[in-house]
Protein backbone atom coordinates (compact mmCIF):
# COMPACT_ATOMS: atom_id res chain seq x y z
CA MET A 1 25.70 -13.69 37.60
CA LYS A 2 27.59 -11.26 35.35
CA THR A 3 25.53 -12.46 32.38
CA ALA A 4 22.30 -11.79 34.23
CA ARG A 5 23.38 -8.22 35.05
CA TRP A 6 24.44 -7.58 31.45
CA VAL A 7 21.09 -8.87 30.12
CA GLY A 8 19.31 -6.70 32.68
CA VAL A 9 21.20 -3.57 31.60
CA VAL A 10 20.51 -4.27 27.92
CA GLY A 11 16.84 -4.94 28.65
CA ILE A 12 16.47 -1.69 30.59
CA THR A 13 18.27 0.25 27.87
CA LEU A 14 15.96 -1.18 25.20
CA CYS A 15 12.85 -0.50 27.29
CA LEU A 16 13.89 3.12 27.73
CA GLY A 17 14.38 3.50 23.99
CA GLY A 18 18.13 3.87 23.95
CA GLY A 19 20.89 1.97 22.24
CA VAL A 20 19.04 0.42 19.31
CA PRO A 21 17.10 2.50 16.77
CA SER A 22 13.43 1.63 16.46
CA SER A 23 12.09 0.01 13.30
CA GLU A 24 10.23 3.24 12.53
CA ALA A 25 13.31 5.46 12.71
CA LYS A 26 14.58 6.55 9.30
CA PRO A 27 18.16 7.51 8.53
CA PRO A 28 18.55 11.16 7.49
CA GLY A 29 17.61 11.71 3.86
CA GLN A 30 15.54 8.53 3.52
CA GLU A 31 12.04 9.21 2.29
CA THR A 32 9.18 8.45 4.63
CA SER A 33 6.31 8.35 2.15
CA ALA A 34 5.70 6.37 -1.01
CA GLU A 35 6.95 7.89 -4.22
CA SER A 36 4.57 8.24 -7.15
CA ASN A 37 6.26 5.38 -8.98
CA GLY A 38 7.36 3.19 -6.08
CA GLN A 39 7.50 2.52 -2.38
CA ARG A 40 10.33 1.74 0.02
CA LYS A 41 10.44 -1.47 2.01
CA PRO A 42 12.43 -1.83 5.22
CA GLY A 43 16.13 -1.71 4.42
CA GLY A 44 15.70 0.96 1.73
CA VAL A 45 14.69 -1.46 -1.04
CA LYS A 46 12.54 0.34 -3.59
CA VAL A 47 9.53 -1.55 -4.90
CA ILE A 48 8.12 -0.43 -8.24
CA VAL A 49 4.37 -0.05 -8.01
CA SER A 50 2.71 0.03 -11.40
CA LYS A 51 -0.47 2.00 -11.85
CA VAL A 52 -3.63 0.21 -12.85
CA ASN A 53 -5.75 1.87 -15.55
CA ILE A 54 -9.26 0.85 -14.52
CA ASN A 55 -10.58 1.45 -18.04
CA GLU A 56 -8.30 -1.17 -19.62
CA ALA A 57 -7.24 -3.45 -16.75
CA SER A 58 -7.88 -7.16 -16.94
CA LYS A 59 -9.23 -9.11 -14.00
CA SER A 60 -5.71 -10.20 -12.99
CA GLU A 61 -4.47 -6.59 -13.11
CA LEU A 62 -7.37 -5.40 -10.95
CA LEU A 63 -6.58 -8.13 -8.42
CA LYS A 64 -3.21 -6.45 -7.79
CA LEU A 65 -5.06 -3.62 -6.03
CA THR A 66 -5.37 -3.89 -2.26
CA GLY A 67 -8.89 -4.87 -1.20
CA VAL A 68 -10.10 -5.96 -4.66
CA SER A 69 -11.38 -9.54 -4.75
CA ALA A 70 -12.05 -11.66 -7.82
CA GLY A 71 -15.75 -10.86 -7.62
CA MET A 72 -15.11 -7.15 -7.27
CA ALA A 73 -12.73 -7.20 -10.25
CA GLN A 74 -15.45 -8.89 -12.31
CA ARG A 75 -18.02 -6.28 -11.20
CA ILE A 76 -15.65 -3.45 -12.19
CA ILE A 77 -15.26 -4.95 -15.67
CA ALA A 78 -19.02 -5.54 -16.00
CA TYR A 79 -19.78 -1.97 -14.92
CA ARG A 80 -17.24 -0.59 -17.38
CA GLU A 81 -18.72 -2.66 -20.23
CA ALA A 82 -22.29 -1.61 -19.38
CA HIS A 83 -21.70 2.11 -18.69
CA GLY A 84 -18.58 2.96 -20.68
CA PRO A 85 -15.17 4.03 -19.40
CA PHE A 86 -14.70 5.61 -16.00
CA LYS A 87 -14.17 9.37 -16.17
CA ARG A 88 -12.35 9.60 -12.83
CA VAL A 89 -11.04 7.23 -10.18
CA HIS A 90 -13.77 8.20 -7.70
CA ASP A 91 -16.38 6.79 -10.13
CA LEU A 92 -15.43 3.32 -8.84
CA VAL A 93 -17.81 3.90 -5.92
CA LYS A 94 -20.64 3.47 -8.44
CA VAL A 95 -19.69 -0.22 -8.72
CA ASP A 96 -21.82 -2.36 -6.42
CA GLY A 97 -19.90 -3.11 -3.22
CA PHE A 98 -16.94 -0.84 -3.94
CA SER A 99 -16.05 1.57 -1.13
CA LYS A 100 -14.07 4.79 -0.82
CA ASP A 101 -11.79 2.92 1.59
CA VAL A 102 -10.43 0.77 -1.26
CA ILE A 103 -9.69 3.91 -3.28
CA GLU A 104 -7.86 5.43 -0.31
CA ARG A 105 -5.78 2.28 0.31
CA ASN A 106 -4.72 2.30 -3.35
CA HIS A 107 -4.06 6.04 -3.56
CA GLY A 108 -1.64 6.72 -6.40
CA ARG A 109 -1.99 3.22 -7.83
CA ILE A 110 -5.27 3.67 -9.72
CA THR A 111 -5.45 5.76 -12.86
CA VAL A 112 -7.99 6.58 -15.56
CA LYS A 113 -6.80 7.04 -19.14
């Protein structure tokens, strides 16, 4: 019976948001947004995110971008070969099937050199 009461108290405390910090809570001083050269994973582990130069990237490098399939990577390369280098990142929307959403999801990871 004592165990049941203890579990009940813990359950109520958790439901009310007390006692255990939420997974979204950040300790003071910890960054909440991605840095230009990396992102933080839970636990404060920094992940280095390399930028992809769309004017020189191979198919495998383009596949590292979120939302870019093998076919899309091939279309980016074909467009670049047919029309010359991209002048700005937003020019990717000229590639058949490429959307602004993919550019937004990869903000800070795509570059043009």
